[in-house]
Amino acid sequence: MLEIIWRATDCEIEILEKVLMYLRNTETLMEPNNLKNKWVVMKLKKDGYEASLCKTSWVSSFRLSEGDYEYVDVMMKDKNNVKVTRLIVDMDFRSQFELARPTQNYKQLKDTLPTIFVGTEEKLDKIISLLCPAAKQSLKENGLRVPPWRKAKYMQSKWLSKDCKKVSINMETGIMDHKSEPQFTTTH
């Protein structure tokens, strides 16, 4: 697990260092996270990165509760400007895996997660695939049922939903364009 989480590409390190620098240089704590996300997108764009605010949503189905989520999306080109890598930046990642009354094993596993996640869809999917079964085991050991929002499909829908809208932000005003259309489709 630690190897998956902490092994990072040059692109991931570059973006994480930028985000940490932005946060270090701010004097006020931005709450809620959607303001922080918007601010990070604006800073990344100002520094020349192709960054967007992503809003995902999914409808209720037989096995999945309705929900929505917001995170930062960065498209990075390799040195040859040929291959594009999509990076997901979540400013409050670890808290997404919190459980009430976790077992010690689950708490230790969850505590290995970074507060700020920067990584690819594949890396995120591996983390979800490890944490969700561990959460299920933790809840069962405590005699609790697994709520829909702690199941792998729900967690994947937050970051890997087919209904992701990239919201452009006006650099002059900081106003979001809510007319944005879905920009990409993921396959799972």
N, C-alpha and C. Protein backbone atom coordinates (compact mmCIF):
# COMPACT_ATOMS: atom_id res chain seq x y z
N MET A 1 0.82 -1.20 0.00
CA MET A 1 0.00 0.00 0.00
C MET A 1 0.87 1.26 0.00
N LEU A 2 1.85 1.30 0.89
CA LEU A 2 2.71 2.48 0.95
C LEU A 2 3.40 2.74 -0.37
N GLU A 3 3.81 1.66 -1.03
CA GLU A 3 4.50 1.82 -2.31
C GLU A 3 3.58 2.47 -3.35
N ILE A 4 2.33 2.07 -3.39
CA ILE A 4 1.37 2.65 -4.34
C ILE A 4 1.18 4.14 -4.04
N ILE A 5 1.02 4.46 -2.78
CA ILE A 5 0.73 5.83 -2.39
C ILE A 5 1.93 6.75 -2.59
N TRP A 6 3.07 6.34 -2.15
CA TRP A 6 4.21 7.25 -2.10
C TRP A 6 5.12 7.18 -3.32
N ARG A 7 4.94 6.20 -4.21
CA ARG A 7 5.72 6.20 -5.44
C ARG A 7 5.08 7.22 -6.36
N ALA A 8 5.84 8.24 -6.75
CA ALA A 8 5.26 9.33 -7.54
C ALA A 8 6.10 9.60 -8.78
N THR A 9 5.41 10.00 -9.83
CA THR A 9 6.09 10.39 -11.06
C THR A 9 6.59 11.83 -10.92
N ASP A 10 7.44 12.23 -11.84
CA ASP A 10 7.94 13.61 -11.83
C ASP A 10 6.79 14.61 -11.94
N CYS A 11 5.80 14.30 -12.77
CA CYS A 11 4.63 15.19 -12.93
C CYS A 11 3.86 15.33 -11.62
N GLU A 12 3.64 14.21 -10.93
CA GLU A 12 2.91 14.24 -9.66
C GLU A 12 3.66 15.07 -8.63
N ILE A 13 4.98 14.88 -8.56
CA ILE A 13 5.79 15.63 -7.60
C ILE A 13 5.75 17.13 -7.93
N GLU A 14 5.86 17.46 -9.20
CA GLU A 14 5.84 18.86 -9.64
C GLU A 14 4.54 19.55 -9.21
N ILE A 15 3.42 18.92 -9.46
CA ILE A 15 2.12 19.52 -9.11
C ILE A 15 1.94 19.58 -7.59
N LEU A 16 2.31 18.51 -6.88
CA LEU A 16 2.18 18.53 -5.42
C LEU A 16 3.03 19.65 -4.82
N GLU A 17 4.26 19.82 -5.31
CA GLU A 17 5.11 20.89 -4.79
C GLU A 17 4.49 22.26 -5.04
N LYS A 18 3.89 22.45 -6.21
CA LYS A 18 3.21 23.72 -6.52
C LYS A 18 2.05 23.96 -5.56
N VAL A 19 1.21 22.95 -5.37
CA VAL A 19 0.05 23.08 -4.49
C VAL A 19 0.50 23.40 -3.07
N LEU A 20 1.51 22.69 -2.58
CA LEU A 20 2.01 22.95 -1.23
C LEU A 20 2.58 24.36 -1.11
N MET A 21 3.27 24.82 -2.15
CA MET A 21 3.80 26.18 -2.15
C MET A 21 2.65 27.20 -2.10
N TYR A 22 1.60 26.98 -2.90
CA TYR A 22 0.46 27.90 -2.88
C TYR A 22 -0.16 27.96 -1.49
N LEU A 23 -0.31 26.80 -0.88
CA LEU A 23 -0.94 26.76 0.45
C LEU A 23 -0.05 27.40 1.51
N ARG A 24 1.25 27.20 1.39
CA ARG A 24 2.20 27.81 2.34
C ARG A 24 2.16 29.32 2.24
N ASN A 25 1.98 29.83 1.03
CA ASN A 25 2.03 31.28 0.80
C ASN A 25 0.71 31.99 1.07
N THR A 26 -0.30 31.28 1.45
CA THR A 26 -1.57 31.93 1.76
C THR A 26 -1.65 32.18 3.27
N GLU A 27 -2.18 33.33 3.62
CA GLU A 27 -2.26 33.68 5.04
C GLU A 27 -3.56 33.22 5.68
N THR A 28 -4.57 32.99 4.86
CA THR A 28 -5.87 32.60 5.42
C THR A 28 -6.18 31.16 5.07
N LEU A 29 -6.85 30.52 5.95
CA LEU A 29 -7.31 29.15 5.70
C LEU A 29 -8.61 29.24 4.92
N MET A 30 -8.62 28.61 3.75
CA MET A 30 -9.80 28.68 2.90
C MET A 30 -10.72 27.51 3.19
N GLU A 31 -11.88 27.82 3.67
CA GLU A 31 -12.92 26.81 3.87
C GLU A 31 -14.17 27.34 3.22
N PRO A 32 -15.00 26.59 2.66
CA PRO A 32 -14.87 25.15 2.48
C PRO A 32 -13.87 24.83 1.38
N ASN A 33 -13.66 23.53 1.17
CA ASN A 33 -12.65 23.08 0.22
C ASN A 33 -12.92 23.55 -1.20
N ASN A 34 -14.19 23.79 -1.57
CA ASN A 34 -14.45 24.21 -2.94
C ASN A 34 -13.79 25.56 -3.23
N LEU A 35 -13.65 26.43 -2.23
CA LEU A 35 -12.93 27.69 -2.42
C LEU A 35 -11.44 27.41 -2.60
N LYS A 36 -10.92 26.48 -1.84
CA LYS A 36 -9.52 26.10 -1.96
C LYS A 36 -9.25 25.49 -3.33
N ASN A 37 -10.15 24.63 -3.79
CA ASN A 37 -10.00 24.02 -5.12
C ASN A 37 -9.97 25.09 -6.20
N LYS A 38 -10.91 26.01 -6.14
CA LYS A 38 -11.00 27.09 -7.12
C LYS A 38 -9.71 27.92 -7.11
N TRP A 39 -9.22 28.23 -5.94
CA TRP A 39 -8.02 29.04 -5.79
C TRP A 39 -6.80 28.31 -6.36
N VAL A 40 -6.68 27.01 -6.09
CA VAL A 40 -5.56 26.22 -6.61
C VAL A 40 -5.63 26.17 -8.14
N VAL A 41 -6.82 26.00 -8.70
CA VAL A 41 -6.96 26.01 -10.17
C VAL A 41 -6.47 27.34 -10.73
N MET A 42 -6.88 28.43 -10.12
CA MET A 42 -6.46 29.75 -10.60
C MET A 42 -4.94 29.91 -10.53
N LYS A 43 -4.33 29.45 -9.44
CA LYS A 43 -2.87 29.56 -9.29
C LYS A 43 -2.15 28.68 -10.31
N LEU A 44 -2.62 27.46 -10.51
CA LEU A 44 -2.00 26.57 -11.49
C LEU A 44 -2.11 27.15 -12.90
N LYS A 45 -3.28 27.68 -13.25
CA LYS A 45 -3.47 28.28 -14.57
C LYS A 45 -2.53 29.48 -14.75
N LYS A 46 -2.41 30.28 -13.70
CA LYS A 46 -1.51 31.44 -13.75
C LYS A 46 -0.07 31.00 -14.00
N ASP A 47 0.30 29.84 -13.48
CA ASP A 47 1.65 29.31 -13.67
C ASP A 47 1.78 28.51 -14.97
N GLY A 48 0.76 28.53 -15.81
CA GLY A 48 0.86 27.92 -17.13
C GLY A 48 0.39 26.47 -17.24
N TYR A 49 -0.24 25.95 -16.21
CA TYR A 49 -0.73 24.57 -16.26
C TYR A 49 -2.15 24.53 -16.82
N GLU A 50 -2.49 23.42 -17.44
CA GLU A 50 -3.85 23.20 -17.93
C GLU A 50 -4.65 22.57 -16.78
N ALA A 51 -5.24 23.44 -15.97
CA ALA A 51 -5.96 22.98 -14.77
C ALA A 51 -7.42 23.38 -14.85
N SER A 52 -8.27 22.54 -14.30
CA SER A 52 -9.71 22.78 -14.28
C SER A 52 -10.29 22.31 -12.96
N LEU A 53 -11.41 22.90 -12.62
CA LEU A 53 -12.20 22.41 -11.51
C LEU A 53 -13.12 21.34 -12.08
N CYS A 54 -13.12 20.15 -11.52
CA CYS A 54 -13.97 19.07 -12.00
C CYS A 54 -15.09 18.83 -11.00
N LYS A 55 -16.29 18.75 -11.53
CA LYS A 55 -17.46 18.43 -10.71
C LYS A 55 -18.05 17.15 -11.25
N THR A 56 -18.10 16.15 -10.40
CA THR A 56 -18.70 14.88 -10.80
C THR A 56 -20.05 14.75 -10.11
N SER A 57 -20.92 14.03 -10.76
CA SER A 57 -22.21 13.71 -10.15
C SER A 57 -22.68 12.39 -10.73
N TRP A 58 -23.49 11.72 -9.97
CA TRP A 58 -24.02 10.43 -10.41
C TRP A 58 -25.40 10.27 -9.81
N VAL A 59 -26.23 9.60 -10.56
CA VAL A 59 -27.61 9.40 -10.12
C VAL A 59 -27.71 8.13 -9.31
N SER A 60 -28.74 8.08 -8.53
CA SER A 60 -29.00 6.90 -7.71
C SER A 60 -29.35 5.72 -8.60
N SER A 61 -28.83 4.57 -8.24
CA SER A 61 -29.16 3.34 -8.95
C SER A 61 -29.37 2.25 -7.91
N PHE A 62 -29.57 1.05 -8.38
CA PHE A 62 -29.84 -0.08 -7.48
C PHE A 62 -28.78 -0.20 -6.39
N ARG A 63 -27.51 -0.05 -6.73
CA ARG A 63 -26.43 -0.26 -5.77
C ARG A 63 -25.68 1.01 -5.40
N LEU A 64 -26.07 2.15 -5.94
CA LEU A 64 -25.29 3.37 -5.76
C LEU A 64 -26.19 4.53 -5.36
N SER A 65 -25.84 5.19 -4.25
CA SER A 65 -26.59 6.37 -3.83
C SER A 65 -26.18 7.57 -4.68
N GLU A 66 -27.10 8.49 -4.84
CA GLU A 66 -26.83 9.71 -5.60
C GLU A 66 -25.76 10.53 -4.89
N GLY A 67 -24.96 11.25 -5.65
CA GLY A 67 -23.95 12.09 -5.04
C GLY A 67 -23.28 13.02 -6.02
N ASP A 68 -22.42 13.88 -5.47
CA ASP A 68 -21.59 14.75 -6.30
C ASP A 68 -20.30 15.03 -5.56
N TYR A 69 -19.30 15.50 -6.30
CA TYR A 69 -17.99 15.74 -5.71
C TYR A 69 -17.24 16.75 -6.57
N GLU A 70 -16.22 17.37 -5.99
CA GLU A 70 -15.44 18.37 -6.70
C GLU A 70 -13.96 18.19 -6.38
N TYR A 71 -13.13 18.29 -7.40
CA TYR A 71 -11.68 18.17 -7.24
C TYR A 71 -11.00 18.93 -8.37
N VAL A 72 -9.67 18.97 -8.34
CA VAL A 72 -8.89 19.67 -9.36
C VAL A 72 -8.35 18.65 -10.35
N ASP A 73 -8.39 19.01 -11.61
CA ASP A 73 -7.94 18.16 -12.71
C ASP A 73 -6.81 18.90 -13.43
N VAL A 74 -5.67 18.24 -13.64
CA VAL A 74 -4.54 18.86 -14.33
C VAL A 74 -4.10 17.94 -15.46
N MET A 75 -3.99 18.50 -16.65
CA MET A 75 -3.50 17.75 -17.80
C MET A 75 -2.04 18.13 -18.01
N MET A 76 -1.15 17.14 -17.92
CA MET A 76 0.30 17.37 -18.04
C MET A 76 0.81 16.72 -19.31
N LYS A 77 1.59 17.47 -20.09
CA LYS A 77 2.23 16.92 -21.28
C LYS A 77 3.64 16.49 -20.92
N ASP A 78 4.11 15.42 -21.59
CA ASP A 78 5.48 14.99 -21.35
C ASP A 78 6.44 15.99 -22.00
N LYS A 79 7.73 15.75 -21.81
CA LYS A 79 8.75 16.69 -22.31
C LYS A 79 8.69 16.87 -23.82
N ASN A 80 8.21 15.86 -24.55
CA ASN A 80 8.11 15.94 -26.01
C ASN A 80 6.77 16.50 -26.48
N ASN A 81 5.92 16.91 -25.53
CA ASN A 81 4.57 17.40 -25.85
C ASN A 81 3.76 16.39 -26.65
N VAL A 82 3.99 15.10 -26.40
CA VAL A 82 3.28 14.05 -27.13
C VAL A 82 2.22 13.40 -26.25
N LYS A 83 2.65 12.84 -25.13
CA LYS A 83 1.74 12.12 -24.25
C LYS A 83 1.16 13.07 -23.19
N VAL A 84 -0.15 12.96 -23.01
CA VAL A 84 -0.83 13.77 -22.00
C VAL A 84 -1.25 12.86 -20.85
N THR A 85 -0.94 13.28 -19.64
CA THR A 85 -1.31 12.54 -18.44
C THR A 85 -2.30 13.37 -17.63
N ARG A 86 -3.38 12.74 -17.25
CA ARG A 86 -4.38 13.40 -16.41
C ARG A 86 -4.03 13.14 -14.95
N LEU A 87 -3.90 14.21 -14.19
CA LEU A 87 -3.66 14.10 -12.76
C LEU A 87 -4.88 14.61 -12.00
N ILE A 88 -5.23 13.89 -10.98
CA ILE A 88 -6.32 14.27 -10.09
C ILE A 88 -5.69 14.86 -8.83
N VAL A 89 -6.17 16.02 -8.42
CA VAL A 89 -5.68 16.67 -7.21
C VAL A 89 -6.87 16.80 -6.27
N ASP A 90 -6.78 16.15 -5.12
CA ASP A 90 -7.84 16.24 -4.11
C ASP A 90 -7.24 16.86 -2.86
N MET A 91 -7.78 17.99 -2.46
CA MET A 91 -7.24 18.77 -1.35
C MET A 91 -7.59 18.21 0.03
N ASP A 92 -8.50 17.26 0.09
CA ASP A 92 -8.94 16.71 1.37
C ASP A 92 -9.14 15.20 1.23
N PHE A 93 -8.15 14.55 0.67
CA PHE A 93 -8.26 13.16 0.26
C PHE A 93 -8.47 12.19 1.43
N ARG A 94 -7.62 12.27 2.43
CA ARG A 94 -7.67 11.30 3.53
C ARG A 94 -9.04 11.27 4.20
N SER A 95 -9.66 12.42 4.35
CA SER A 95 -10.94 12.47 5.06
C SER A 95 -12.05 11.73 4.31
N GLN A 96 -11.87 11.50 3.01
CA GLN A 96 -12.88 10.78 2.23
C GLN A 96 -12.99 9.32 2.65
N PHE A 97 -12.00 8.83 3.39
CA PHE A 97 -11.97 7.43 3.80
C PHE A 97 -12.20 7.26 5.31
N GLU A 98 -12.63 8.33 5.98
CA GLU A 98 -12.90 8.26 7.43
C GLU A 98 -14.05 7.30 7.72
N LEU A 99 -13.94 6.61 8.83
CA LEU A 99 -15.00 5.73 9.32
C LEU A 99 -15.28 6.06 10.78
N ALA A 100 -16.51 5.88 11.18
CA ALA A 100 -16.84 5.96 12.60
C ALA A 100 -16.37 4.65 13.23
N ARG A 101 -15.73 4.74 14.34
CA ARG A 101 -15.25 3.56 15.08
C ARG A 101 -14.42 2.60 14.21
N PRO A 102 -13.35 3.06 13.60
CA PRO A 102 -12.53 2.16 12.77
C PRO A 102 -11.73 1.20 13.65
N THR A 103 -11.41 0.06 13.08
CA THR A 103 -10.48 -0.84 13.77
C THR A 103 -9.10 -0.21 13.72
N GLN A 104 -8.21 -0.69 14.57
CA GLN A 104 -6.85 -0.16 14.59
C GLN A 104 -6.16 -0.40 13.24
N ASN A 105 -6.38 -1.57 12.65
CA ASN A 105 -5.77 -1.87 11.35
C ASN A 105 -6.24 -0.89 10.27
N TYR A 106 -7.54 -0.61 10.23
CA TYR A 106 -8.05 0.32 9.23
C TYR A 106 -7.53 1.73 9.48
N LYS A 107 -7.52 2.14 10.74
CA LYS A 107 -7.02 3.48 11.07
C LYS A 107 -5.58 3.64 10.61
N GLN A 108 -4.74 2.63 10.85
CA GLN A 108 -3.35 2.70 10.42
C GLN A 108 -3.25 2.79 8.90
N LEU A 109 -4.06 2.01 8.21
CA LEU A 109 -4.06 2.03 6.74
C LEU A 109 -4.52 3.39 6.22
N LYS A 110 -5.61 3.90 6.76
CA LYS A 110 -6.13 5.21 6.35
C LYS A 110 -5.13 6.32 6.64
N ASP A 111 -4.43 6.22 7.76
CA ASP A 111 -3.46 7.25 8.13
C ASP A 111 -2.24 7.28 7.22
N THR A 112 -2.04 6.25 6.40
CA THR A 112 -0.94 6.29 5.42
C THR A 112 -1.30 7.15 4.21
N LEU A 113 -2.59 7.46 4.06
CA LEU A 113 -3.02 8.28 2.92
C LEU A 113 -2.57 9.72 3.11
N PRO A 114 -2.21 10.38 2.01
CA PRO A 114 -1.86 11.80 2.12
C PRO A 114 -3.12 12.65 2.30
N THR A 115 -2.98 13.78 2.95
CA THR A 115 -4.09 14.72 3.04
C THR A 115 -4.42 15.25 1.66
N ILE A 116 -3.37 15.61 0.91
CA ILE A 116 -3.53 16.10 -0.46
C ILE A 116 -3.06 15.00 -1.40
N PHE A 117 -3.96 14.54 -2.25
CA PHE A 117 -3.63 13.50 -3.22
C PHE A 117 -3.36 14.14 -4.57
N VAL A 118 -2.26 13.73 -5.20
CA VAL A 118 -1.96 14.08 -6.58
C VAL A 118 -1.56 12.79 -7.26
N GLY A 119 -2.35 12.37 -8.24
CA GLY A 119 -2.02 11.12 -8.92
C GLY A 119 -2.93 10.85 -10.10
N THR A 120 -2.62 9.77 -10.78
CA THR A 120 -3.38 9.37 -11.96
C THR A 120 -4.65 8.63 -11.56
N GLU A 121 -5.53 8.44 -12.53
CA GLU A 121 -6.74 7.65 -12.30
C GLU A 121 -6.38 6.23 -11.86
N GLU A 122 -5.36 5.66 -12.47
CA GLU A 122 -4.95 4.29 -12.16
C GLU A 122 -4.48 4.17 -10.71
N LYS A 123 -3.68 5.14 -10.27
CA LYS A 123 -3.19 5.14 -8.90
C LYS A 123 -4.36 5.26 -7.92
N LEU A 124 -5.27 6.17 -8.23
CA LEU A 124 -6.44 6.38 -7.38
C LEU A 124 -7.30 5.13 -7.31
N ASP A 125 -7.49 4.49 -8.45
CA ASP A 125 -8.30 3.27 -8.49
C ASP A 125 -7.67 2.16 -7.64
N LYS A 126 -6.34 2.04 -7.66
CA LYS A 126 -5.66 1.04 -6.82
C LYS A 126 -5.87 1.33 -5.34
N ILE A 127 -5.79 2.60 -4.97
CA ILE A 127 -6.00 2.98 -3.56
C ILE A 127 -7.42 2.64 -3.13
N ILE A 128 -8.40 2.99 -3.96
CA ILE A 128 -9.80 2.68 -3.66
C ILE A 128 -9.99 1.17 -3.53
N SER A 129 -9.36 0.42 -4.42
CA SER A 129 -9.48 -1.05 -4.41
C SER A 129 -8.89 -1.67 -3.15
N LEU A 130 -7.94 -1.00 -2.53
CA LEU A 130 -7.36 -1.49 -1.28
C LEU A 130 -8.13 -1.00 -0.05
N LEU A 131 -8.53 0.26 -0.06
CA LEU A 131 -9.16 0.85 1.12
C LEU A 131 -10.60 0.42 1.34
N CYS A 132 -11.37 0.29 0.28
CA CYS A 132 -12.79 -0.05 0.46
C CYS A 132 -13.01 -1.44 1.06
N PRO A 133 -12.30 -2.47 0.61
CA PRO A 133 -12.45 -3.77 1.29
C PRO A 133 -11.97 -3.72 2.75
N ALA A 134 -10.93 -2.92 3.00
CA ALA A 134 -10.45 -2.78 4.38
C ALA A 134 -11.50 -2.06 5.23
N ALA A 135 -12.18 -1.07 4.66
CA ALA A 135 -13.25 -0.37 5.38
C ALA A 135 -14.40 -1.32 5.67
N LYS A 136 -14.74 -2.14 4.69
CA LYS A 136 -15.81 -3.13 4.86
C LYS A 136 -15.48 -4.08 6.01
N GLN A 137 -14.24 -4.57 6.04
CA GLN A 137 -13.80 -5.48 7.09
C GLN A 137 -13.86 -4.79 8.46
N SER A 138 -13.40 -3.54 8.51
CA SER A 138 -13.42 -2.78 9.76
C SER A 138 -14.84 -2.61 10.28
N LEU A 139 -15.75 -2.24 9.41
CA LEU A 139 -17.14 -2.06 9.82
C LEU A 139 -17.76 -3.38 10.29
N LYS A 140 -17.49 -4.45 9.56
CA LYS A 140 -18.04 -5.76 9.94
C LYS A 140 -17.51 -6.21 11.29
N GLU A 141 -16.22 -5.98 11.55
CA GLU A 141 -15.64 -6.36 12.84
C GLU A 141 -16.30 -5.61 13.99
N ASN A 142 -16.82 -4.43 13.70
CA ASN A 142 -17.51 -3.65 14.72
C ASN A 142 -19.02 -3.85 14.69
N GLY A 143 -19.47 -4.85 13.92
CA GLY A 143 -20.90 -5.16 13.86
C GLY A 143 -21.73 -4.13 13.11
N LEU A 144 -21.10 -3.38 12.23
CA LEU A 144 -21.80 -2.34 11.48
C LEU A 144 -21.96 -2.75 10.02
N ARG A 145 -23.00 -2.25 9.41
CA ARG A 145 -23.22 -2.49 7.98
C ARG A 145 -22.40 -1.47 7.19
N VAL A 146 -22.08 -1.83 5.96
CA VAL A 146 -21.32 -0.93 5.08
C VAL A 146 -22.30 0.03 4.41
N PRO A 147 -22.18 1.33 4.71
CA PRO A 147 -23.08 2.29 4.06
C PRO A 147 -22.71 2.43 2.58
N PRO A 148 -23.65 2.80 1.74
CA PRO A 148 -23.39 2.89 0.30
C PRO A 148 -22.22 3.83 -0.04
N TRP A 149 -22.05 4.89 0.75
CA TRP A 149 -21.00 5.86 0.46
C TRP A 149 -19.61 5.38 0.85
N ARG A 150 -19.47 4.18 1.35
CA ARG A 150 -18.16 3.60 1.65
C ARG A 150 -17.84 2.42 0.73
N LYS A 151 -18.70 2.17 -0.23
CA LYS A 151 -18.45 1.09 -1.18
C LYS A 151 -17.57 1.59 -2.32
N ALA A 152 -16.82 0.68 -2.94
CA ALA A 152 -15.87 1.04 -3.99
C ALA A 152 -16.52 1.79 -5.14
N LYS A 153 -17.69 1.35 -5.59
CA LYS A 153 -18.37 2.00 -6.73
C LYS A 153 -18.67 3.47 -6.41
N TYR A 154 -19.12 3.72 -5.20
CA TYR A 154 -19.43 5.09 -4.81
C TYR A 154 -18.15 5.93 -4.78
N MET A 155 -17.10 5.38 -4.17
CA MET A 155 -15.83 6.10 -4.07
C MET A 155 -15.25 6.36 -5.46
N GLN A 156 -15.33 5.38 -6.34
CA GLN A 156 -14.84 5.58 -7.71
C GLN A 156 -15.63 6.67 -8.42
N SER A 157 -16.91 6.75 -8.13
CA SER A 157 -17.76 7.75 -8.78
C SER A 157 -17.35 9.18 -8.44
N LYS A 158 -16.73 9.38 -7.29
CA LYS A 158 -16.29 10.72 -6.91
C LYS A 158 -15.27 11.27 -7.90
N TRP A 159 -14.28 10.46 -8.23
CA TRP A 159 -13.17 10.93 -9.05
C TRP A 159 -13.18 10.37 -10.46
N LEU A 160 -13.83 9.26 -10.67
CA LEU A 160 -13.75 8.55 -11.95
C LEU A 160 -15.09 8.46 -12.66
N SER A 161 -16.01 9.34 -12.32
CA SER A 161 -17.35 9.32 -12.90
C SER A 161 -17.31 9.66 -14.39
N LYS A 162 -18.19 9.04 -15.14
CA LYS A 162 -18.31 9.36 -16.56
C LYS A 162 -18.96 10.73 -16.75
N ASP A 163 -19.61 11.23 -15.73
CA ASP A 163 -20.29 12.52 -15.80
C ASP A 163 -19.48 13.60 -15.11
N CYS A 164 -18.27 13.82 -15.59
CA CYS A 164 -17.41 14.84 -15.03
C CYS A 164 -17.50 16.10 -15.88
N LYS A 165 -17.76 17.21 -15.23
CA LYS A 165 -17.81 18.49 -15.95
C LYS A 165 -16.61 19.31 -15.52
N LYS A 166 -15.82 19.71 -16.50
CA LYS A 166 -14.73 20.63 -16.22
C LYS A 166 -15.31 22.03 -16.23
N VAL A 167 -15.13 22.72 -15.13
CA VAL A 167 -15.68 24.06 -14.98
C VAL A 167 -14.56 25.06 -15.18
N SER A 168 -14.69 25.90 -16.20
CA SER A 168 -13.66 26.89 -16.44
C SER A 168 -13.83 28.04 -15.45
N ILE A 169 -12.71 28.64 -15.08
CA ILE A 169 -12.72 29.75 -14.14
C ILE A 169 -12.12 30.96 -14.83
N ASN A 170 -12.82 32.07 -14.81
CA ASN A 170 -12.33 33.31 -15.39
C ASN A 170 -11.19 33.82 -14.52
N MET A 171 -10.01 33.95 -15.10
CA MET A 171 -8.83 34.36 -14.34
C MET A 171 -8.95 35.79 -13.82
N GLU A 172 -9.70 36.63 -14.50
CA GLU A 172 -9.84 38.03 -14.08
C GLU A 172 -10.73 38.15 -12.85
N THR A 173 -11.85 37.44 -12.88
CA THR A 173 -12.86 37.62 -11.83
C THR A 173 -12.94 36.47 -10.85
N GLY A 174 -12.42 35.31 -11.26
CA GLY A 174 -12.54 34.13 -10.42
C GLY A 174 -13.91 33.50 -10.48
N ILE A 175 -14.75 33.97 -11.42
CA ILE A 175 -16.11 33.45 -11.55
C ILE A 175 -16.09 32.18 -12.38
N MET A 176 -16.85 31.19 -11.94
CA MET A 176 -16.92 29.92 -12.64
C MET A 176 -17.98 29.98 -13.73
N ASP A 177 -17.68 29.32 -14.85
CA ASP A 177 -18.64 29.18 -15.94
C ASP A 177 -19.42 27.91 -15.70
N HIS A 178 -20.66 28.04 -15.28
CA HIS A 178 -21.48 26.86 -14.95
C HIS A 178 -22.10 26.22 -16.18
N LYS A 179 -21.82 26.74 -17.36
CA LYS A 179 -22.37 26.17 -18.58
C LYS A 179 -21.45 25.12 -19.17
N SER A 180 -20.41 24.77 -18.47
CA SER A 180 -19.44 23.81 -18.99
C SER A 180 -20.10 22.48 -19.29
N GLU A 181 -19.63 21.83 -20.31
CA GLU A 181 -20.12 20.52 -20.72
C GLU A 181 -19.12 19.46 -20.29
N PRO A 182 -19.53 18.21 -20.21
CA PRO A 182 -18.58 17.15 -19.90
C PRO A 182 -17.41 17.19 -20.87
N GLN A 183 -16.20 17.03 -20.34
CA GLN A 183 -15.00 17.17 -21.14
C GLN A 183 -14.35 15.85 -21.51
N PHE A 184 -14.61 14.80 -20.79
CA PHE A 184 -13.97 13.52 -21.07
C PHE A 184 -14.80 12.40 -20.50
N THR A 185 -14.49 11.23 -20.93
CA THR A 185 -15.15 10.05 -20.41
C THR A 185 -14.08 9.08 -19.95
N THR A 186 -14.26 8.55 -18.76
CA THR A 186 -13.34 7.52 -18.27
C THR A 186 -13.95 6.17 -18.53
N THR A 187 -13.12 5.15 -18.58
CA THR A 187 -13.63 3.80 -18.79
C THR A 187 -13.33 2.95 -17.58
N HIS A 188 -14.34 2.29 -17.09
CA HIS A 188 -14.20 1.37 -15.94
C HIS A 188 -15.21 0.29 -16.06
